[in-house]
Protein backbone atom coordinates (compact mmCIF):
# COMPACT_ATOMS: atom_id res chain seq x y z
CA UNK A 1 64.45 14.94 100.11
CA UNK A 2 67.68 14.03 98.33
CA UNK A 3 70.48 16.55 98.50
CA UNK A 4 74.23 16.54 98.02
CA UNK A 5 77.08 18.86 98.85
CA UNK A 6 80.22 19.72 96.91
CA UNK A 7 82.56 18.14 96.12
CA UNK A 8 80.10 15.46 94.86
CA UNK A 9 81.80 15.00 91.49
CA UNK A 10 84.16 12.11 90.89
CA UNK A 11 87.81 13.04 90.40
CA UNK A 12 88.53 13.83 86.75
CA UNK A 13 89.60 10.90 84.57
CA UNK A 14 89.28 10.01 80.90
CA UNK A 15 86.55 7.47 81.61
CA UNK A 16 84.68 6.77 84.82
CA UNK A 17 85.12 3.29 86.25
CA UNK A 18 81.39 3.00 87.02
CA UNK A 19 78.43 5.17 86.08
CA UNK A 20 75.06 4.54 87.74
CA UNK A 21 72.39 6.50 85.89
CA UNK A 22 68.84 6.84 87.24
CA UNK A 23 68.77 3.29 88.64
CA UNK A 24 65.72 2.02 90.49
CA UNK A 25 65.05 -1.46 91.83
CA UNK A 26 62.00 -2.95 93.53
CA UNK A 27 61.27 -6.32 95.07
CA UNK A 28 57.95 -7.96 95.92
CA UNK A 29 57.77 -8.90 99.58
CA UNK A 30 55.17 -10.34 101.96
CA UNK A 31 53.90 -6.84 102.74
CA UNK A 32 53.95 -5.57 99.16
CA UNK A 33 56.47 -3.82 96.96
CA UNK A 34 59.80 -2.84 98.51
CA UNK A 35 61.59 0.03 96.73
CA UNK A 36 65.23 -0.88 97.34
CA UNK A 37 66.63 1.89 95.12
CA UNK A 38 64.94 5.07 93.91
CA UNK A 39 66.44 6.86 90.90
CA UNK A 40 70.06 6.57 92.09
CA UNK A 41 72.77 8.28 90.05
CA UNK A 42 76.48 8.44 90.86
CA UNK A 43 79.86 8.31 89.14
CA UNK A 44 82.87 6.43 90.51
CA UNK A 45 86.31 7.34 89.14
CA UNK A 46 89.14 5.11 88.07
CA UNK A 47 91.43 4.15 90.97
CA UNK A 48 89.02 5.48 93.58
CA UNK A 49 88.15 4.00 96.96
CA UNK A 50 84.42 4.68 97.00
CA UNK A 51 82.18 3.68 99.91
CA UNK A 52 78.43 3.09 100.03
CA UNK A 53 77.46 3.85 103.62
CA UNK A 54 74.12 3.51 105.33
CA UNK A 55 71.97 1.51 107.75
CA UNK A 56 70.56 -1.94 107.00
CA UNK A 57 67.93 -1.84 104.28
CA UNK A 58 69.11 1.43 102.73
CA UNK A 59 69.89 -0.18 99.34
CA UNK A 60 73.70 -0.23 99.40
CA UNK A 61 74.08 -4.00 98.95
CA UNK A 62 71.39 -4.02 96.27
CA UNK A 63 73.37 -1.42 94.34
CA UNK A 64 76.53 -3.50 94.71
CA UNK A 65 74.70 -6.59 93.39
CA UNK A 66 73.45 -4.61 90.40
CA UNK A 67 76.99 -3.56 89.52
CA UNK A 68 78.15 -7.18 89.95
CA UNK A 69 75.34 -8.48 87.73
CA UNK A 70 73.61 -10.59 90.37
CA UNK A 71 70.49 -8.40 89.97
CA UNK A 72 69.11 -6.36 87.06
CA UNK A 73 67.82 -2.78 87.37
CA UNK A 74 64.12 -2.08 87.12
CA UNK A 75 64.95 1.28 85.54
CA UNK A 76 68.12 3.09 84.61
CA UNK A 77 71.51 2.01 83.37
CA UNK A 78 74.90 0.94 84.72
CA UNK A 79 78.08 1.51 82.71
CA UNK A 80 81.53 0.05 83.23
CA UNK A 81 84.35 1.98 81.53
CA UNK A 82 81.74 3.88 79.58
CA UNK A 83 79.99 0.75 78.24
CA UNK A 84 76.48 -0.31 79.26
CA UNK A 85 76.64 -3.70 81.00
CA UNK A 86 72.97 -4.34 81.74
CA UNK A 87 72.81 -7.40 79.49
CA UNK A 88 76.13 -8.94 80.58
CA UNK A 89 76.12 -11.86 83.02
CA UNK A 90 78.43 -11.58 86.05
CA UNK A 91 81.21 -13.70 84.52
CA UNK A 92 81.45 -11.33 81.54
CA UNK A 93 82.00 -8.24 83.67
CA UNK A 94 85.54 -7.25 84.69
CA UNK A 95 84.27 -7.04 88.25
CA UNK A 96 85.02 -9.29 91.21
CA UNK A 97 83.26 -9.43 94.58
CA UNK A 98 84.52 -10.13 98.10
CA UNK A 99 81.66 -11.26 100.31
CA UNK A 100 81.18 -10.97 104.05
CA UNK A 101 81.50 -14.76 104.39
CA UNK A 102 84.69 -14.94 102.23
CA UNK A 103 83.24 -18.03 100.44
CA UNK A 104 86.55 -19.90 100.23
CA UNK A 105 86.54 -23.47 98.91
CA UNK A 106 87.26 -25.61 102.01
CA UNK A 107 88.65 -28.57 100.02
CA UNK A 108 91.22 -26.39 98.20
CA UNK A 109 94.53 -25.02 99.44
CA UNK A 110 95.19 -21.30 99.69
CA UNK A 111 97.07 -21.40 96.39
CA UNK A 112 94.28 -23.30 94.64
CA UNK A 113 91.68 -20.85 95.97
CA UNK A 114 93.63 -17.88 94.69
CA UNK A 115 94.27 -19.46 91.30
CA UNK A 116 90.74 -20.80 90.78
CA UNK A 117 89.48 -17.88 88.70
CA UNK A 118 92.57 -17.97 86.49
CA UNK A 119 92.11 -21.71 85.99
CA UNK A 120 88.48 -21.22 84.95
CA UNK A 121 89.64 -18.57 82.49
CA UNK A 122 91.99 -21.10 80.88
CA UNK A 123 95.29 -19.59 82.04
CA UNK A 124 98.39 -21.74 81.72
CA UNK A 125 99.80 -23.38 84.84
CA UNK A 126 102.98 -21.27 84.77
CA UNK A 127 100.95 -18.06 84.65
CA UNK A 128 98.76 -19.28 87.52
CA UNK A 129 101.77 -20.11 89.71
CA UNK A 130 103.33 -16.71 88.99
CA UNK A 131 100.11 -14.82 89.72
CA UNK A 132 99.42 -16.80 92.91
CA UNK A 133 102.91 -15.96 94.20
CA UNK A 134 102.34 -12.30 93.30
CA UNK A 135 99.03 -12.21 95.14
CA UNK A 136 100.42 -13.97 98.22
CA UNK A 137 103.14 -11.32 98.44
CA UNK A 138 100.58 -8.56 97.97
CA UNK A 139 98.46 -9.76 100.92
CA UNK A 140 101.53 -10.77 102.96
CA UNK A 141 100.76 -14.50 103.13
CA UNK A 142 103.95 -15.87 101.56
CA UNK A 143 104.57 -19.52 102.43
CA UNK A 144 100.93 -20.29 103.20
CA UNK A 145 99.88 -21.48 99.74
CA UNK A 146 99.68 -25.13 100.91
CA UNK A 147 97.35 -24.52 103.85
CA UNK A 148 93.61 -25.01 103.80
CA UNK A 149 91.07 -22.37 104.91
CA UNK A 150 90.35 -24.11 108.22
CA UNK A 151 94.04 -23.74 109.13
CA UNK A 152 93.85 -19.93 108.85
CA UNK A 153 92.66 -17.18 111.15
CA UNK A 154 89.72 -15.00 110.17
CA UNK A 155 92.01 -12.21 109.04
CA UNK A 156 94.10 -14.59 106.95
CA UNK A 157 90.97 -16.04 105.32
CA UNK A 158 89.88 -12.56 104.40
CA UNK A 159 93.26 -11.87 102.80
CA UNK A 160 92.95 -15.05 100.74
CA UNK A 161 89.51 -13.93 99.57
CA UNK A 162 90.99 -10.56 98.57
CA UNK A 163 93.89 -12.23 96.77
CA UNK A 164 91.51 -14.50 94.84
CA UNK A 165 89.39 -11.52 93.81
CA UNK A 166 92.45 -9.50 92.74
CA UNK A 167 94.19 -12.32 90.85
CA UNK A 168 92.17 -11.71 87.67
CA UNK A 169 93.04 -7.98 87.75
CA UNK A 170 89.42 -6.80 87.71
CA UNK A 171 88.65 -3.24 86.72
CA UNK A 172 86.48 -2.90 89.83
CA UNK A 173 86.56 -4.77 93.12
CA UNK A 174 83.28 -4.90 95.06
CA UNK A 175 83.51 -5.46 98.82
CA UNK A 176 80.30 -6.31 100.66
CA UNK A 177 80.95 -5.63 104.37
CA UNK A 178 84.06 -7.88 104.34
CA UNK A 179 85.27 -6.75 107.78
CA UNK A 180 82.10 -7.28 109.81
CA UNK A 181 82.99 -10.84 110.90
CA UNK A 182 86.36 -9.81 112.35
CA UNK A 183 87.07 -8.75 115.93
CA UNK A 184 87.56 -5.06 116.68
CA UNK A 185 91.38 -4.90 116.65
CA UNK A 186 91.74 -7.04 113.53
CA UNK A 187 89.04 -5.01 111.80
CA UNK A 188 91.02 -1.83 112.43
CA UNK A 189 94.22 -3.43 111.14
CA UNK A 190 92.47 -4.64 107.99
CA UNK A 191 91.19 -1.14 107.19
CA UNK A 192 94.78 -0.03 106.66
CA UNK A 193 95.49 -3.23 104.73
CA UNK A 194 92.59 -2.62 102.34
CA UNK A 195 93.65 0.95 101.73
CA UNK A 196 97.22 -0.22 101.03
CA UNK A 197 95.98 -2.88 98.59
CA UNK A 198 93.81 -0.37 96.75
CA UNK A 199 96.68 2.08 96.44
CA UNK A 200 99.20 -0.55 95.30
CA UNK A 201 96.94 -2.25 92.75
CA UNK A 202 95.33 0.90 91.32
CA UNK A 203 92.01 -0.96 91.10
CA UNK A 204 88.74 0.85 91.82
CA UNK A 205 87.29 -0.36 95.13
CA UNK A 206 83.57 -0.05 95.91
CA UNK A 207 83.10 -0.81 99.58
CA UNK A 208 79.78 -1.39 101.35
CA UNK A 209 79.51 -0.81 105.09
CA UNK A 210 77.24 0.47 107.85
CA UNK A 211 80.28 1.44 109.94
CA UNK A 212 80.86 5.20 109.79
CA UNK A 213 84.42 4.93 111.11
CA UNK A 214 85.38 2.49 108.34
CA UNK A 215 83.97 4.80 105.69
CA UNK A 216 85.71 7.91 107.02
CA UNK A 217 89.05 6.17 107.51
CA UNK A 218 89.41 4.41 104.15
CA UNK A 219 87.44 6.27 101.49
CA UNK A 220 88.31 8.85 98.89
CA UNK A 221 84.59 9.63 98.71
CA UNK A 222 81.49 8.39 100.51
CA UNK A 223 77.88 8.07 99.35
CA UNK A 224 75.53 8.15 102.35
CA UNK A 225 72.32 6.27 101.61
CA UNK A 226 68.92 6.08 103.26
CA UNK A 227 65.68 4.40 102.14
CA UNK A 228 67.02 3.67 98.65
CA UNK A 229 68.24 7.20 97.99
CA UNK A 230 71.63 8.89 98.04
CA UNK A 231 71.59 11.68 100.61
CA UNK A 232 75.09 13.08 100.09
CA UNK A 233 78.22 12.23 98.11
CA UNK A 234 81.46 13.89 99.19
CA UNK A 235 84.92 13.38 100.63
CA UNK A 236 84.99 12.09 104.24
CA UNK A 237 85.94 15.51 105.62
CA UNK A 238 83.03 17.15 103.81
CA UNK A 239 80.58 14.49 104.97
CA UNK A 240 81.65 14.90 108.59
CA UNK A 241 82.16 18.66 108.79
CA UNK A 242 79.36 19.78 106.48
CA UNK A 243 76.50 17.25 106.46
CA UNK A 244 73.68 18.48 104.27
CA UNK A 245 70.72 17.20 106.28
CA UNK A 246 69.78 15.78 109.66
CA UNK A 247 70.03 12.15 108.56
CA UNK A 248 73.64 12.51 107.42
CA UNK A 249 74.62 14.54 110.48
CA UNK A 250 73.02 12.00 112.82
CA UNK A 251 74.36 8.91 111.05
CA UNK A 252 77.97 10.12 110.79
CA UNK A 253 79.50 10.40 114.24
CA UNK A 254 78.10 12.13 117.32
CA UNK A 255 76.07 15.30 116.82
CA UNK A 256 74.15 17.85 118.84
CA UNK A 257 70.97 19.19 117.24
CA UNK A 258 69.43 22.54 118.12
CA UNK A 259 66.45 24.30 116.60
CA UNK A 260 65.98 28.05 116.42
CA UNK A 261 65.38 31.03 114.22
CA UNK A 262 68.08 32.71 112.17
CA UNK A 263 68.21 36.45 112.71
CA UNK A 264 70.64 39.16 111.63
CA UNK A 265 72.46 41.30 114.20
CA UNK A 266 75.41 42.51 112.15
CA UNK A 267 75.88 38.84 111.27
CA UNK A 268 73.70 35.70 111.31
CA UNK A 269 72.61 34.56 114.75
CA UNK A 270 70.65 31.49 115.78
CA UNK A 271 68.13 32.34 118.50
CA UNK A 272 66.86 29.35 120.50
CA UNK A 273 63.27 29.13 121.82
CA UNK A 274 64.41 30.04 125.35
CA UNK A 275 66.08 33.24 124.16
CA UNK A 276 69.74 32.13 124.16
CA UNK A 277 71.66 32.76 120.96
CA UNK A 278 74.66 31.55 118.95
CA UNK A 279 76.58 33.39 116.26
CA UNK A 280 76.85 31.34 113.05
CA UNK A 281 79.21 31.72 110.10
CA UNK A 282 76.77 30.83 107.30
CA UNK A 283 72.97 31.03 107.43
CA UNK A 284 72.55 28.95 104.28
CA UNK A 285 70.28 31.62 102.83
CA UNK A 286 67.68 30.98 105.54
CA UNK A 287 67.58 34.31 107.37
CA UNK A 288 64.28 34.76 109.21
CA UNK A 289 63.47 31.05 109.11
CA UNK A 290 63.34 28.39 111.80
CA UNK A 291 66.05 25.80 111.15
CA UNK A 292 67.88 22.84 112.62
CA UNK A 293 71.61 23.06 113.15
CA UNK A 294 74.26 20.43 113.91
CA UNK A 295 77.22 20.93 116.26
CA UNK A 296 79.85 18.24 116.77
CA UNK A 297 80.64 17.58 120.47
CA UNK A 298 84.37 18.14 119.98
CA UNK A 299 83.74 21.55 118.36
CA UNK A 300 82.14 22.93 121.54
CA UNK A 301 83.74 24.08 124.78
CA UNK A 302 82.41 23.90 128.32
CA UNK A 303 83.41 26.69 130.69
CA UNK A 304 82.58 28.21 134.06
CA UNK A 305 79.51 30.47 134.14
CA UNK A 306 79.95 33.99 132.85
CA UNK A 307 80.29 35.66 129.50
CA UNK A 308 78.74 34.62 126.22
CA UNK A 309 77.49 31.09 125.62
CA UNK A 310 74.62 28.72 126.22
CA UNK A 311 73.98 28.36 129.96
CA UNK A 312 73.22 24.94 131.39
CA UNK A 313 73.96 22.27 133.97
CA UNK A 314 76.21 19.21 133.89
CA UNK A 315 74.09 16.06 134.03
CA UNK A 316 76.63 13.24 133.65
CA UNK A 317 80.40 13.02 133.16
CA UNK A 318 81.86 9.97 131.36
CA UNK A 319 85.60 9.22 131.15
CA UNK A 320 86.76 7.55 127.90
CA UNK A 321 90.52 7.48 128.44
CA UNK A 322 91.64 9.93 125.76
CA UNK A 323 88.47 12.03 126.18
CA UNK A 324 85.94 13.09 128.77
CA UNK A 325 82.34 13.59 127.63
CA UNK A 326 80.03 16.00 129.43
CA UNK A 327 76.33 15.30 129.04
CA UNK A 328 74.60 18.62 129.67
CA UNK A 329 71.13 20.07 129.89
CA UNK A 330 70.85 23.60 128.54
CA UNK A 331 68.56 26.05 130.32
CA UNK A 332 66.11 25.81 127.45
CA UNK A 333 65.77 22.08 128.14
CA UNK A 334 67.87 20.90 125.18
CA UNK A 335 70.33 18.04 125.78
CA UNK A 336 73.88 18.80 124.69
CA UNK A 337 77.12 16.83 124.61
CA UNK A 338 80.68 18.21 124.77
CA UNK A 339 83.74 16.01 124.17
CA UNK A 340 87.02 17.27 125.70
CA UNK A 341 90.47 15.78 125.17
CA UNK A 342 92.12 14.74 128.43
CA UNK A 343 95.13 17.03 128.38
CA UNK A 344 96.31 20.30 129.93
CA UNK A 345 94.28 19.69 133.08
CA UNK A 346 91.00 19.48 131.17
CA UNK A 347 90.06 16.03 132.49
CA UNK A 348 87.06 16.07 134.83
CA UNK A 349 87.12 19.84 135.26
CA UNK A 350 83.38 19.77 136.02
CA UNK A 351 81.11 17.42 137.95
CA UNK A 352 77.44 16.51 137.86
CA UNK A 353 75.29 19.41 138.99
CA UNK A 354 77.81 22.12 138.11
CA UNK A 355 76.57 25.22 136.35
CA UNK A 356 78.41 25.87 133.07
CA UNK A 357 78.24 27.70 129.74
CA UNK A 358 78.78 26.13 126.35
CA UNK A 359 80.77 28.13 123.81
CA UNK A 360 80.72 27.29 120.11
CA UNK A 361 82.73 28.92 117.31
CA UNK A 362 80.48 30.31 114.53
CA UNK A 363 82.02 28.02 111.89
CA UNK A 364 81.17 24.95 114.00
CA UNK A 365 77.41 25.52 113.60
CA UNK A 366 76.14 23.74 110.48
CA UNK A 367 72.71 24.81 109.19
CA UNK A 368 70.91 21.73 107.84
CA UNK A 369 68.63 21.35 104.84
CA UNK A 370 64.89 21.19 105.50
């Protein structure tokens, strides 16, 4: 089932940067036909940082390759600035791609790598020198134009690849998991760098990743994909706080899932199989039905027994520095996780075996689509 939640629309602009309209793509494999994309439609605005997020094999890189022109759709149409580009080869599209491997020319200097596309386009040497200097300043690599790729760190090589891709001033920059080869700290630093570059250049970025944190941190909007279909398109806050189905809720961050029946007692209430209940803010029009709900661990509280809440027992306590996570077992048998910030004496307030209750605000319970 493919569903999406508002705001799914691209920000308003005179012309969309990219329109993907009913695109499908299949490949023949050893075990038969593989449906990489199934009737995918989305609109990406001018000057937007748009992320395609999903697990391996979900179709996100295939969609990126279709936009770049490295593959052709089986069905549907792709438009760039309102013009269909299905018959244009990659070099005739105002689109550049930054690959995971960076693909720098090892025999060329940094300056020659950055200026290569301009040289192939027939730009004059003075224009190339000026643009290379501009790009080096943009990616903060001034003075390194004479070095070769093997004299650079991984992060510096990635910046050179970005500078080369931006030198031709493409309308759209495609980024295929460009951070995955970097170590954790450098990867986090480069997220901010990419966002800065996108903001300063005003170029539309389409970023492919399987890393939920990257998508939430950098994007204006995110398209979550699974099995060749778009599950939800929305701003990061919407994706995280109001996932539309179990796949999105499970893929984005940590989530508790509970199943129960929605009943009305002066307001919607979720009744669990064991008889415990939770008040909910919005029943999603599913009163009287059995549903699944998602609750983020940081939106729940763990307290001493007594009063309203879901009764249970502490199974394991894990200290994460800034947070402590309580792994619980509710009395109905359901596992449940609560994440508590380590402040105001909250750290390690409970131990394994302690009886507790879990309290959840009604607006923290998200009813999921079937």
